[in-house]
Amino acid sequence: MKVAELLAERHKNWAELQSLCAYMGGRSKRRMHADTIVRFAALYRAACADLALADAYQLPSNTVAFLHQLVAQAHNLLYRSRTFALKEWVRELLFRVPQRIFGDRFLWIAALLFFGLFGVSFVLARQSGEFAELKAGGKDNLTAMRDAFREAPEYGLERTAVEGSMMGGFYVWNNTGIGLRCFAFGMLLFGFGGMFEIVVNAVHLGASFGYMSLQPEGGNFFTFVTAHGPFELTAIVLSAAAGMRMGFALVDTHGLSRGASLRKAGREAMPTMGLAIVLFLGAAVLEAFVSRLFIPSWGKATVSAICAGLLFFYLVVLGMPRDRGAAAAQAGDGTWESAVKAD
């Protein structure tokens, strides 16, 4: 039988596939009978084979064009794009993500290192000016810090959006640099770089805070850092934790190749790094529009308390495992699940 005759006999299947395309176009696959979908898939595969034959034997262009259009339409219906699903996004962001972050052992290590050394450095800087000078960047840096906070925040509530946006852009750039260093050093130096960066930042910041707590300008300093502090400091810890997970995945691969281990760690680190990005952006906005405003210190303390409360609620209250399945997911074996699903 000639190819042209064979394809001519296939017209009946093409017509049936065309009818099914029209039928499926306005319906969800979940509402269709399984036999219909199976038949549709079989006709689609057969049409693909027919198109290959038509192309190979150079059949009339109108036949080839018709098959191209039919196959494309059927393909788009069979493998239709994934759509946004609000319920899945809510479940992902409010349940799965905080539980994975809460159970991230690298986050606990980074948090203990950062806040522990921050506190120790703060106390030592208050007791020894030499320690503060050594760990906070030298005498010139301490003098510049005092000069920067010699005057109280000068901006009033009438501050323009342009001024705030410009400062916000600077703070985003600065905060992003800190986060990227914590993440990149952890990934590139087999996890230990992230720990080193955490130690450096904790000691430097602790010494700066401790030194300023004894200075006449300390009131202006703490009034400035109070509002955005919870978001910014937590974001630093999250960035380092994500980098540590990536770096240590190159050391302990759990039997996988290094490439596969790194990809797996990347999926597991996505929730942590994603939250760090959100917090860095939030800290930049607060620093630009709230921290530099001339408002009472209790107002900024209220903002800080709200931010700290939100972090506690998201990371601890929502992060607490509620069943064995959640506990297994947060142990580091889960992956970042897509928050979209088929229509």
C-alpha atoms as a PDB file:
ATOM      1  CA  MET A   1       0.000   0.000   0.000  1.00  0.00           C
ATOM      2  CA  LYS A   2       1.312   3.439  -0.915  1.00  0.00           C
ATOM      3  CA  VAL A   3       1.959   5.994   1.793  1.00  0.00           C
ATOM      4  CA  ALA A   4      -0.618   8.364   0.321  1.00  0.00           C
ATOM      5  CA  GLU A   5      -3.261   5.639   0.454  1.00  0.00           C
ATOM      6  CA  LEU A   6      -2.274   4.718   4.013  1.00  0.00           C
ATOM      7  CA  LEU A   7      -2.614   8.319   5.171  1.00  0.00           C
ATOM      8  CA  ALA A   8      -5.919   8.649   3.346  1.00  0.00           C
ATOM      9  CA  GLU A   9      -7.253   5.804   5.458  1.00  0.00           C
ATOM     10  CA  ARG A  10      -6.191   7.712   8.571  1.00  0.00           C
ATOM     11  CA  HIS A  11      -8.645  10.560   7.905  1.00  0.00           C
ATOM     12  CA  LYS A  12     -11.175   8.931  10.207  1.00  0.00           C
ATOM     13  CA  ASN A  13      -8.719   8.980  13.135  1.00  0.00           C
ATOM     14  CA  TRP A  14      -7.761  12.574  12.375  1.00  0.00           C
ATOM     15  CA  ALA A  15     -11.402  13.607  12.434  1.00  0.00           C
ATOM     16  CA  GLU A  16     -11.901  11.786  15.741  1.00  0.00           C
ATOM     17  CA  LEU A  17      -8.825  13.476  17.224  1.00  0.00           C
ATOM     18  CA  GLN A  18     -10.103  16.831  16.000  1.00  0.00           C
ATOM     19  CA  SER A  19     -13.433  16.213  17.719  1.00  0.00           C
ATOM     20  CA  LEU A  20     -11.737  15.207  20.949  1.00  0.00           C
ATOM     21  CA  CYS A  21      -9.608  18.371  20.829  1.00  0.00           C
ATOM     22  CA  ALA A  22     -12.768  20.452  20.633  1.00  0.00           C
ATOM     23  CA  TYR A  23     -14.314  18.422  23.458  1.00  0.00           C
ATOM     24  CA  MET A  24     -11.289  18.667  25.766  1.00  0.00           C
ATOM     25  CA  GLY A  25     -10.639  22.323  25.079  1.00  0.00           C
ATOM     26  CA  GLY A  26     -13.258  23.538  27.530  1.00  0.00           C
ATOM     27  CA  ARG A  27     -12.943  20.851  30.217  1.00  0.00           C
ATOM     28  CA  SER A  28     -10.570  19.871  32.976  1.00  0.00           C
ATOM     29  CA  LYS A  29      -8.871  16.526  32.589  1.00  0.00           C
ATOM     30  CA  ARG A  30      -9.946  15.649  36.110  1.00  0.00           C
ATOM     31  CA  ARG A  31     -13.567  15.703  34.944  1.00  0.00           C
ATOM     32  CA  MET A  32     -13.063  13.366  31.989  1.00  0.00           C
ATOM     33  CA  HIS A  33     -13.431   9.616  31.886  1.00  0.00           C
ATOM     34  CA  ALA A  34     -10.131   7.747  31.901  1.00  0.00           C
ATOM     35  CA  ASP A  35     -11.014   5.903  28.657  1.00  0.00           C
ATOM     36  CA  THR A  36     -11.437   9.237  26.874  1.00  0.00           C
ATOM     37  CA  ILE A  37      -7.991  10.424  27.892  1.00  0.00           C
ATOM     38  CA  VAL A  38      -6.408   7.082  26.935  1.00  0.00           C
ATOM     39  CA  ARG A  39      -8.081   7.196  23.510  1.00  0.00           C
ATOM     40  CA  PHE A  40      -7.013  10.810  23.037  1.00  0.00           C
ATOM     41  CA  ALA A  41      -3.383   9.962  23.862  1.00  0.00           C
ATOM     42  CA  ALA A  42      -3.412   7.003  21.422  1.00  0.00           C
ATOM     43  CA  LEU A  43      -4.796   9.153  18.616  1.00  0.00           C
ATOM     44  CA  TYR A  44      -2.227  11.851  19.376  1.00  0.00           C
ATOM     45  CA  ARG A  45       0.667   9.391  19.093  1.00  0.00           C
ATOM     46  CA  ALA A  46      -0.750   7.994  15.869  1.00  0.00           C
ATOM     47  CA  ALA A  47      -1.090  11.502  14.424  1.00  0.00           C
ATOM     48  CA  CYS A  48       2.567  12.198  15.284  1.00  0.00           C
ATOM     49  CA  ALA A  49       3.569   9.077  13.330  1.00  0.00           C
ATOM     50  CA  ASP A  50       1.361  10.151  10.425  1.00  0.00           C
ATOM     51  CA  LEU A  51       2.993  13.577  10.393  1.00  0.00           C
ATOM     52  CA  ALA A  52       6.442  11.986  10.271  1.00  0.00           C
ATOM     53  CA  LEU A  53       5.389   9.891   7.294  1.00  0.00           C
ATOM     54  CA  ALA A  54       3.814  12.867   5.518  1.00  0.00           C
ATOM     55  CA  ASP A  55       7.000  14.888   5.984  1.00  0.00           C
ATOM     56  CA  ALA A  56       9.290  12.051   4.922  1.00  0.00           C
ATOM     57  CA  TYR A  57       7.392  11.276   1.711  1.00  0.00           C
ATOM     58  CA  GLN A  58       6.714  14.920   0.871  1.00  0.00           C
ATOM     59  CA  LEU A  59       2.944  14.657   0.671  1.00  0.00           C
ATOM     60  CA  PRO A  60       0.900  17.692  -0.413  1.00  0.00           C
ATOM     61  CA  SER A  61       1.657  20.760   1.671  1.00  0.00           C
ATOM     62  CA  ASN A  62      -1.965  21.204   2.744  1.00  0.00           C
ATOM     63  CA  THR A  63      -1.959  17.700   4.301  1.00  0.00           C
ATOM     64  CA  VAL A  64       1.311  18.346   6.103  1.00  0.00           C
ATOM     65  CA  ALA A  65       0.109  21.734   7.367  1.00  0.00           C
ATOM     66  CA  PHE A  66      -3.163  20.194   8.606  1.00  0.00           C
ATOM     67  CA  LEU A  67      -1.275  17.485  10.529  1.00  0.00           C
ATOM     68  CA  HIS A  68       1.121  20.040  12.019  1.00  0.00           C
ATOM     69  CA  GLN A  69      -1.799  22.059  13.314  1.00  0.00           C
ATOM     70  CA  LEU A  70      -3.641  18.990  14.625  1.00  0.00           C
ATOM     71  CA  VAL A  71      -0.592  17.590  16.425  1.00  0.00           C
ATOM     72  CA  ALA A  72       0.228  20.978  17.968  1.00  0.00           C
ATOM     73  CA  GLN A  73      -3.334  21.434  19.221  1.00  0.00           C
ATOM     74  CA  ALA A  74      -3.441  17.944  20.691  1.00  0.00           C
ATOM     75  CA  HIS A  75      -0.032  18.369  22.319  1.00  0.00           C
ATOM     76  CA  ASN A  76      -1.095  21.596  24.030  1.00  0.00           C
ATOM     77  CA  LEU A  77      -4.197  19.914  25.410  1.00  0.00           C
ATOM     78  CA  LEU A  78      -2.449  16.745  26.560  1.00  0.00           C
ATOM     79  CA  TYR A  79       0.486  18.563  28.140  1.00  0.00           C
ATOM     80  CA  ARG A  80      -1.309  21.749  29.038  1.00  0.00           C
ATOM     81  CA  SER A  81       0.591  24.347  31.042  1.00  0.00           C
ATOM     82  CA  ARG A  82       0.556  24.298  34.818  1.00  0.00           C
ATOM     83  CA  THR A  83      -1.505  27.063  36.355  1.00  0.00           C
ATOM     84  CA  PHE A  84      -1.390  29.047  39.541  1.00  0.00           C
ATOM     85  CA  ALA A  85      -3.229  27.400  42.433  1.00  0.00           C
ATOM     86  CA  LEU A  86      -3.810  29.650  45.423  1.00  0.00           C
ATOM     87  CA  LYS A  87      -4.567  26.796  47.804  1.00  0.00           C
ATOM     88  CA  GLU A  88      -1.281  25.067  46.966  1.00  0.00           C
ATOM     89  CA  TRP A  89       0.673  28.280  47.416  1.00  0.00           C
ATOM     90  CA  VAL A  90      -0.930  28.890  50.824  1.00  0.00           C
ATOM     91  CA  ARG A  91      -0.225  25.312  51.931  1.00  0.00           C
ATOM     92  CA  GLU A  92       3.362  25.553  50.696  1.00  0.00           C
ATOM     93  CA  LEU A  93       4.186  28.933  52.225  1.00  0.00           C
ATOM     94  CA  LEU A  94       2.357  28.574  55.532  1.00  0.00           C
ATOM     95  CA  PHE A  95       2.910  24.898  56.337  1.00  0.00           C
ATOM     96  CA  ARG A  96       5.622  23.091  54.405  1.00  0.00           C
ATOM     97  CA  VAL A  97       8.198  25.885  54.138  1.00  0.00           C
ATOM     98  CA  PRO A  98       8.297  26.944  57.833  1.00  0.00           C
ATOM     99  CA  GLN A  99       8.449  23.312  58.929  1.00  0.00           C
ATOM    100  CA  ARG A 100      11.427  22.626  56.659  1.00  0.00           C
ATOM    101  CA  ILE A 101      13.189  25.764  57.843  1.00  0.00           C
ATOM    102  CA  PHE A 102      12.479  24.986  61.517  1.00  0.00           C
ATOM    103  CA  GLY A 103      13.999  21.519  61.125  1.00  0.00           C
ATOM    104  CA  ASP A 104      17.063  22.694  59.188  1.00  0.00           C
ATOM    105  CA  ARG A 105      20.023  21.683  61.341  1.00  0.00           C
ATOM    106  CA  PHE A 106      22.284  24.092  59.475  1.00  0.00           C
ATOM    107  CA  LEU A 107      19.998  26.947  60.458  1.00  0.00           C
ATOM    108  CA  TRP A 108      20.235  25.962  64.108  1.00  0.00           C
ATOM    109  CA  ILE A 109      24.032  25.811  63.877  1.00  0.00           C
ATOM    110  CA  ALA A 110      24.197  29.200  62.150  1.00  0.00           C
ATOM    111  CA  ALA A 111      21.783  30.775  64.662  1.00  0.00           C
ATOM    112  CA  LEU A 112      23.682  29.473  67.685  1.00  0.00           C
ATOM    113  CA  LEU A 113      26.995  30.654  66.235  1.00  0.00           C
ATOM    114  CA  PHE A 114      25.734  34.083  65.245  1.00  0.00           C
ATOM    115  CA  PHE A 115      23.643  35.082  68.243  1.00  0.00           C
ATOM    116  CA  GLY A 116      25.963  33.369  70.729  1.00  0.00           C
ATOM    117  CA  LEU A 117      29.087  35.116  69.446  1.00  0.00           C
ATOM    118  CA  PHE A 118      27.151  38.361  69.013  1.00  0.00           C
ATOM    119  CA  GLY A 119      26.294  38.327  72.724  1.00  0.00           C
ATOM    120  CA  VAL A 120      29.830  37.409  73.798  1.00  0.00           C
ATOM    121  CA  SER A 121      31.338  40.108  71.579  1.00  0.00           C
ATOM    122  CA  PHE A 122      28.835  42.672  72.877  1.00  0.00           C
ATOM    123  CA  VAL A 123      29.831  42.001  76.497  1.00  0.00           C
ATOM    124  CA  LEU A 124      33.578  41.988  75.771  1.00  0.00           C
ATOM    125  CA  ALA A 125      33.343  45.270  73.841  1.00  0.00           C
ATOM    126  CA  ARG A 126      31.661  46.909  76.821  1.00  0.00           C
ATOM    127  CA  GLN A 127      34.434  45.694  79.102  1.00  0.00           C
ATOM    128  CA  SER A 128      37.405  46.404  76.861  1.00  0.00           C
ATOM    129  CA  GLY A 129      37.894  49.319  74.500  1.00  0.00           C
ATOM    130  CA  GLU A 130      40.822  47.504  72.909  1.00  0.00           C
ATOM    131  CA  PHE A 131      38.600  44.565  72.004  1.00  0.00           C
ATOM    132  CA  ALA A 132      35.999  46.895  70.478  1.00  0.00           C
ATOM    133  CA  GLU A 133      38.666  48.695  68.464  1.00  0.00           C
ATOM    134  CA  LEU A 134      40.164  45.415  67.252  1.00  0.00           C
ATOM    135  CA  LYS A 135      36.912  43.686  66.273  1.00  0.00           C
ATOM    136  CA  ALA A 136      34.796  46.628  65.086  1.00  0.00           C
ATOM    137  CA  GLY A 137      37.158  47.763  62.350  1.00  0.00           C
ATOM    138  CA  GLY A 138      39.680  49.953  64.114  1.00  0.00           C
ATOM    139  CA  LYS A 139      39.710  53.337  65.800  1.00  0.00           C
ATOM    140  CA  ASP A 140      38.871  55.250  62.617  1.00  0.00           C
ATOM    141  CA  ASN A 141      35.826  53.112  61.998  1.00  0.00           C
ATOM    142  CA  LEU A 142      34.572  53.622  65.548  1.00  0.00           C
ATOM    143  CA  THR A 143      35.044  57.373  65.228  1.00  0.00           C
ATOM    144  CA  ALA A 144      33.156  57.404  61.925  1.00  0.00           C
ATOM    145  CA  MET A 145      30.331  55.426  63.522  1.00  0.00           C
ATOM    146  CA  ARG A 146      30.036  57.904  66.370  1.00  0.00           C
ATOM    147  CA  ASP A 147      30.045  60.814  63.921  1.00  0.00           C
ATOM    148  CA  ALA A 148      27.312  59.174  61.839  1.00  0.00           C
ATOM    149  CA  PHE A 149      24.982  59.004  64.840  1.00  0.00           C
ATOM    150  CA  ARG A 150      25.935  62.250  66.516  1.00  0.00           C
ATOM    151  CA  GLU A 151      22.656  63.716  65.304  1.00  0.00           C
ATOM    152  CA  ALA A 152      19.234  62.140  65.694  1.00  0.00           C
ATOM    153  CA  PRO A 153      17.381  60.996  62.542  1.00  0.00           C
ATOM    154  CA  GLU A 154      16.473  64.138  60.654  1.00  0.00           C
ATOM    155  CA  TYR A 155      13.679  62.996  58.354  1.00  0.00           C
ATOM    156  CA  GLY A 156      10.090  63.784  59.245  1.00  0.00           C
ATOM    157  CA  LEU A 157       6.904  62.064  58.146  1.00  0.00           C
ATOM    158  CA  GLU A 158       6.791  64.361  55.101  1.00  0.00           C
ATOM    159  CA  ARG A 159       9.812  62.601  53.596  1.00  0.00           C
ATOM    160  CA  THR A 160       9.222  62.049  49.879  1.00  0.00           C
ATOM    161  CA  ALA A 161       8.880  58.658  48.240  1.00  0.00           C
ATOM    162  CA  VAL A 162      11.817  59.481  45.954  1.00  0.00           C
ATOM    163  CA  GLU A 163      14.196  60.016  48.879  1.00  0.00           C
ATOM    164  CA  GLY A 164      13.024  56.819  50.566  1.00  0.00           C
ATOM    165  CA  SER A 165      13.287  54.813  47.353  1.00  0.00           C
ATOM    166  CA  MET A 166      16.852  55.970  46.740  1.00  0.00           C
ATOM    167  CA  MET A 167      17.910  54.989  50.238  1.00  0.00           C
ATOM    168  CA  GLY A 168      15.973  51.742  49.952  1.00  0.00           C
ATOM    169  CA  GLY A 169      17.903  50.869  46.786  1.00  0.00           C
ATOM    170  CA  PHE A 170      21.190  51.469  48.579  1.00  0.00           C
ATOM    171  CA  TYR A 171      20.167  49.312  51.527  1.00  0.00           C
ATOM    172  CA  VAL A 172      19.006  46.518  49.220  1.00  0.00           C
ATOM    173  CA  TRP A 173      22.404  46.586  47.494  1.00  0.00           C
ATOM    174  CA  ASN A 174      24.240  46.572  50.824  1.00  0.00           C
ATOM    175  CA  ASN A 175      22.097  43.850  52.416  1.00  0.00           C
ATOM    176  CA  THR A 176      22.248  41.706  49.297  1.00  0.00           C
ATOM    177  CA  GLY A 177      26.051  41.885  49.400  1.00  0.00           C
ATOM    178  CA  ILE A 178      26.100  40.588  52.972  1.00  0.00           C
ATOM    179  CA  GLY A 179      23.687  37.772  52.168  1.00  0.00           C
ATOM    180  CA  LEU A 180      25.525  36.719  49.019  1.00  0.00           C
ATOM    181  CA  ARG A 181      28.853  36.591  50.842  1.00  0.00           C
ATOM    182  CA  CYS A 182      27.389  34.389  53.558  1.00  0.00           C
ATOM    183  CA  PHE A 183      25.789  32.110  50.977  1.00  0.00           C
ATOM    184  CA  ALA A 184      28.652  32.000  48.480  1.00  0.00           C
ATOM    185  CA  PHE A 185      31.404  31.422  51.037  1.00  0.00           C
ATOM    186  CA  GLY A 186      29.419  28.581  52.534  1.00  0.00           C
ATOM    187  CA  MET A 187      28.911  26.939  49.158  1.00  0.00           C
ATOM    188  CA  LEU A 188      32.400  27.500  47.749  1.00  0.00           C
ATOM    189  CA  LEU A 189      34.406  26.590  50.854  1.00  0.00           C
ATOM    190  CA  PHE A 190      32.646  23.297  51.641  1.00  0.00           C
ATOM    191  CA  GLY A 191      30.351  24.761  54.290  1.00  0.00           C
ATOM    192  CA  PHE A 192      33.103  26.067  56.536  1.00  0.00           C
ATOM    193  CA  GLY A 193      33.191  29.375  54.663  1.00  0.00           C
ATOM    194  CA  GLY A 194      29.628  30.037  55.771  1.00  0.00           C
ATOM    195  CA  MET A 195      30.561  29.332  59.380  1.00  0.00           C
ATOM    196  CA  PHE A 196      33.555  31.672  59.064  1.00  0.00           C
ATOM    197  CA  GLU A 197      31.398  34.458  57.618  1.00  0.00           C
ATOM    198  CA  ILE A 198      28.872  34.011  60.423  1.00  0.00           C
ATOM    199  CA  VAL A 199      31.629  34.287  63.021  1.00  0.00           C
ATOM    200  CA  VAL A 200      33.107  37.412  61.395  1.00  0.00           C
ATOM    201  CA  ASN A 201      29.742  39.184  61.132  1.00  0.00           C
ATOM    202  CA  ALA A 202      28.660  38.189  64.656  1.00  0.00           C
ATOM    203  CA  VAL A 203      31.881  39.403  66.290  1.00  0.00           C
ATOM    204  CA  HIS A 204      31.974  42.627  64.266  1.00  0.00           C
ATOM    205  CA  LEU A 205      28.346  43.529  64.902  1.00  0.00           C
ATOM    206  CA  GLY A 206      28.482  42.520  68.553  1.00  0.00           C
ATOM    207  CA  ALA A 207      31.573  44.651  69.129  1.00  0.00           C
ATOM    208  CA  SER A 208      29.973  47.615  67.330  1.00  0.00           C
ATOM    209  CA  PHE A 209      26.779  47.356  69.357  1.00  0.00           C
ATOM    210  CA  GLY A 210      28.708  46.920  72.587  1.00  0.00           C
ATOM    211  CA  TYR A 211      30.926  49.919  71.896  1.00  0.00           C
ATOM    212  CA  MET A 212      28.033  52.183  70.922  1.00  0.00           C
ATOM    213  CA  SER A 213      26.083  51.193  74.037  1.00  0.00           C
ATOM    214  CA  LEU A 214      28.665  53.118  76.110  1.00  0.00           C
ATOM    215  CA  GLN A 215      28.828  56.208  73.919  1.00  0.00           C
ATOM    216  CA  PRO A 216      26.728  59.398  74.135  1.00  0.00           C
ATOM    217  CA  GLU A 217      25.594  58.690  70.565  1.00  0.00           C
ATOM    218  CA  GLY A 218      24.352  55.252  71.585  1.00  0.00           C
ATOM    219  CA  GLY A 219      20.763  56.412  71.925  1.00  0.00           C
ATOM    220  CA  ASN A 220      20.630  57.607  68.323  1.00  0.00           C
ATOM    221  CA  PHE A 221      22.371  54.426  67.159  1.00  0.00           C
ATOM    222  CA  PHE A 222      19.961  52.039  68.845  1.00  0.00           C
ATOM    223  CA  THR A 223      16.967  54.128  67.803  1.00  0.00           C
ATOM    224  CA  PHE A 224      18.137  53.709  64.207  1.00  0.00           C
ATOM    225  CA  VAL A 225      18.822  49.944  64.239  1.00  0.00           C
ATOM    226  CA  THR A 226      15.843  48.884  66.348  1.00  0.00           C
ATOM    227  CA  ALA A 227      13.163  48.745  63.646  1.00  0.00           C
ATOM    228  CA  HIS A 228      14.958  46.781  60.943  1.00  0.00           C
ATOM    229  CA  GLY A 229      17.298  44.751  63.178  1.00  0.00           C
ATOM    230  CA  PRO A 230      15.189  41.573  63.553  1.00  0.00           C
ATOM    231  CA  PHE A 231      14.720  41.126  59.810  1.00  0.00           C
ATOM    232  CA  GLU A 232      18.308  41.949  58.844  1.00  0.00           C
ATOM    233  CA  LEU A 233      20.057  39.813  61.466  1.00  0.00           C
ATOM    234  CA  THR A 234      17.771  36.834  60.835  1.00  0.00           C
ATOM    235  CA  ALA A 235      18.357  37.127  57.079  1.00  0.00           C
ATOM    236  CA  ILE A 236      22.129  36.941  57.620  1.00  0.00           C
ATOM    237  CA  VAL A 237      21.697  33.714  59.585  1.00  0.00           C
ATOM    238  CA  LEU A 238      19.388  32.226  56.938  1.00  0.00           C
ATOM    239  CA  SER A 239      21.809  33.061  54.114  1.00  0.00           C
ATOM    240  CA  ALA A 240      24.714  31.427  55.908  1.00  0.00           C
ATOM    241  CA  ALA A 241      22.608  28.337  56.680  1.00  0.00           C
ATOM    242  CA  ALA A 242      21.645  27.922  53.017  1.00  0.00           C
ATOM    243  CA  GLY A 243      25.284  28.262  51.956  1.00  0.00           C
ATOM    244  CA  MET A 244      26.407  25.768  54.597  1.00  0.00           C
ATOM    245  CA  ARG A 245      23.888  23.208  53.348  1.00  0.00           C
ATOM    246  CA  MET A 246      25.189  23.590  49.798  1.00  0.00           C
ATOM    247  CA  GLY A 247      28.832  23.444  50.871  1.00  0.00           C
ATOM    248  CA  PHE A 248      28.566  20.426  53.147  1.00  0.00           C
ATOM    249  CA  ALA A 249      26.637  18.590  50.409  1.00  0.00           C
ATOM    250  CA  LEU A 250      29.951  18.471  48.523  1.00  0.00           C
ATOM    251  CA  VAL A 251      31.619  16.825  51.524  1.00  0.00           C
ATOM    252  CA  ASP A 252      28.953  14.344  52.617  1.00  0.00           C
ATOM    253  CA  THR A 253      27.115  13.208  49.486  1.00  0.00           C
ATOM    254  CA  HIS A 254      25.153  10.321  51.118  1.00  0.00           C
ATOM    255  CA  GLY A 255      26.222   8.026  48.292  1.00  0.00           C
ATOM    256  CA  LEU A 256      25.232  10.388  45.478  1.00  0.00           C
ATOM    257  CA  SER A 257      27.547  11.950  42.957  1.00  0.00           C
ATOM    258  CA  ARG A 258      28.732  15.417  43.938  1.00  0.00           C
ATOM    259  CA  GLY A 259      26.607  16.985  41.228  1.00  0.00           C
ATOM    260  CA  ALA A 260      23.473  15.125  42.317  1.00  0.00           C
ATOM    261  CA  SER A 261      24.166  15.898  45.967  1.00  0.00           C
ATOM    262  CA  LEU A 262      24.582  19.595  45.163  1.00  0.00           C
ATOM    263  CA  ARG A 263      21.322  19.665  43.189  1.00  0.00           C
ATOM    264  CA  LYS A 264      19.473  17.955  46.045  1.00  0.00           C
ATOM    265  CA  ALA A 265      20.935  20.402  48.562  1.00  0.00           C
ATOM    266  CA  GLY A 266      19.961  23.291  46.290  1.00  0.00           C
ATOM    267  CA  ARG A 267      16.326  22.210  46.323  1.00  0.00           C
ATOM    268  CA  GLU A 268      16.413  21.832  50.098  1.00  0.00           C
ATOM    269  CA  ALA A 269      18.077  25.234  50.575  1.00  0.00           C
ATOM    270  CA  MET A 270      15.556  27.129  48.428  1.00  0.00           C
ATOM    271  CA  PRO A 271      13.011  27.804  51.221  1.00  0.00           C
ATOM    272  CA  THR A 272      15.749  29.106  53.537  1.00  0.00           C
ATOM    273  CA  MET A 273      17.352  31.358  50.940  1.00  0.00           C
ATOM    274  CA  GLY A 274      13.957  32.504  49.680  1.00  0.00           C
ATOM    275  CA  LEU A 275      12.966  33.673  53.158  1.00  0.00           C
ATOM    276  CA  ALA A 276      16.349  35.391  53.548  1.00  0.00           C
ATOM    277  CA  ILE A 277      15.720  37.390  50.375  1.00  0.00           C
ATOM    278  CA  VAL A 278      12.279  38.453  51.604  1.00  0.00           C
ATOM    279  CA  LEU A 279      13.721  39.530  54.963  1.00  0.00           C
ATOM    280  CA  PHE A 280      16.595  41.461  53.374  1.00  0.00           C
ATOM    281  CA  LEU A 281      14.099  43.355  51.216  1.00  0.00           C
ATOM    282  CA  GLY A 282      11.851  43.977  54.222  1.00  0.00           C
ATOM    283  CA  ALA A 283      14.811  45.222  56.264  1.00  0.00           C
ATOM    284  CA  ALA A 284      15.820  47.600  53.442  1.00  0.00           C
ATOM    285  CA  VAL A 285      12.301  49.052  53.279  1.00  0.00           C
ATOM    286  CA  LEU A 286      12.169  49.542  57.047  1.00  0.00           C
ATOM    287  CA  GLU A 287      15.654  51.044  57.113  1.00  0.00           C
ATOM    288  CA  ALA A 288      14.757  53.510  54.363  1.00  0.00           C
ATOM    289  CA  PHE A 289      11.261  54.528  55.459  1.00  0.00           C
ATOM    290  CA  VAL A 290      11.149  53.919  59.232  1.00  0.00           C
ATOM    291  CA  SER A 291      14.622  53.753  60.810  1.00  0.00           C
ATOM    292  CA  ARG A 292      15.693  57.178  59.541  1.00  0.00           C
ATOM    293  CA  LEU A 293      12.466  58.914  60.511  1.00  0.00           C
ATOM    294  CA  PHE A 294      12.393  61.313  63.425  1.00  0.00           C
ATOM    295  CA  ILE A 295       9.779  59.464  65.451  1.00  0.00           C
ATOM    296  CA  PRO A 296       9.786  58.418  69.136  1.00  0.00           C
ATOM    297  CA  SER A 297      11.974  55.448  70.024  1.00  0.00           C
ATOM    298  CA  TRP A 298       8.936  53.603  71.374  1.00  0.00           C
ATOM    299  CA  GLY A 299       7.420  53.743  67.880  1.00  0.00           C
ATOM    300  CA  LYS A 300      10.440  52.018  66.366  1.00  0.00           C
ATOM    301  CA  ALA A 301      10.524  49.567  69.250  1.00  0.00           C
ATOM    302  CA  THR A 302       6.910  48.694  68.442  1.00  0.00           C
ATOM    303  CA  VAL A 303       7.840  48.034  64.809  1.00  0.00           C
ATOM    304  CA  SER A 304      10.737  45.849  65.984  1.00  0.00           C
ATOM    305  CA  ALA A 305       8.454  43.893  68.321  1.00  0.00           C
ATOM    306  CA  ILE A 306       5.957  43.299  65.509  1.00  0.00           C
ATOM    307  CA  CYS A 307       8.740  42.080  63.181  1.00  0.00           C
ATOM    308  CA  ALA A 308      10.155  39.779  65.864  1.00  0.00           C
ATOM    309  CA  GLY A 309       6.673  38.460  66.586  1.00  0.00           C
ATOM    310  CA  LEU A 310       6.057  37.715  62.918  1.00  0.00           C
ATOM    311  CA  LEU A 311       9.366  35.848  62.693  1.00  0.00           C
ATOM    312  CA  PHE A 312       8.567  33.827  65.819  1.00  0.00           C
ATOM    313  CA  PHE A 313       5.093  32.981  64.559  1.00  0.00           C
ATOM    314  CA  TYR A 314       6.310  31.941  61.095  1.00  0.00           C
ATOM    315  CA  LEU A 315       9.475  30.066  62.068  1.00  0.00           C
ATOM    316  CA  VAL A 316       8.430  28.564  65.388  1.00  0.00           C
ATOM    317  CA  VAL A 317       4.636  28.417  65.697  1.00  0.00           C
ATOM    318  CA  LEU A 318       4.054  27.382  62.077  1.00  0.00           C
ATOM    319  CA  GLY A 319       7.381  25.552  61.921  1.00  0.00           C
ATOM    320  CA  MET A 320       6.709  23.139  64.767  1.00  0.00           C
ATOM    321  CA  PRO A 321       6.122  19.657  63.297  1.00  0.00           C
ATOM    322  CA  ARG A 322       2.586  18.450  63.883  1.00  0.00           C
ATOM    323  CA  ASP A 323       2.936  14.828  62.796  1.00  0.00           C
ATOM    324  CA  ARG A 324       5.530  12.287  61.801  1.00  0.00           C
ATOM    325  CA  GLY A 325       5.195  13.145  58.132  1.00  0.00           C
ATOM    326  CA  ALA A 326       6.017  16.773  58.807  1.00  0.00           C
ATOM    327  CA  ALA A 327       8.911  15.782  61.043  1.00  0.00           C
ATOM    328  CA  ALA A 328      10.357  13.624  58.272  1.00  0.00           C
ATOM    329  CA  ALA A 329       9.954  16.421  55.742  1.00  0.00           C
ATOM    330  CA  GLN A 330      11.687  18.968  57.952  1.00  0.00           C
ATOM    331  CA  ALA A 331      14.622  16.648  58.649  1.00  0.00           C
ATOM    332  CA  GLY A 332      16.170  17.632  55.354  1.00  0.00           C
ATOM    333  CA  ASP A 333      14.886  14.781  53.178  1.00  0.00           C
ATOM    334  CA  GLY A 334      12.115  16.807  51.550  1.00  0.00           C
ATOM    335  CA  THR A 335      12.454  18.919  48.461  1.00  0.00           C
ATOM    336  CA  TRP A 336      11.015  22.240  47.443  1.00  0.00           C
ATOM    337  CA  GLU A 337       7.628  21.197  46.040  1.00  0.00           C
ATOM    338  CA  SER A 338       6.033  23.135  43.245  1.00  0.00           C
ATOM    339  CA  ALA A 339       3.122  25.318  44.315  1.00  0.00           C
ATOM    340  CA  VAL A 340       1.346  24.933  41.018  1.00  0.00           C
ATOM    341  CA  LYS A 341      -0.712  22.052  39.721  1.00  0.00           C
ATOM    342  CA  ALA A 342      -2.358  20.958  36.532  1.00  0.00           C
ATOM    343  CA  ASP A 343      -5.594  22.674  35.605  1.00  0.00           C
END
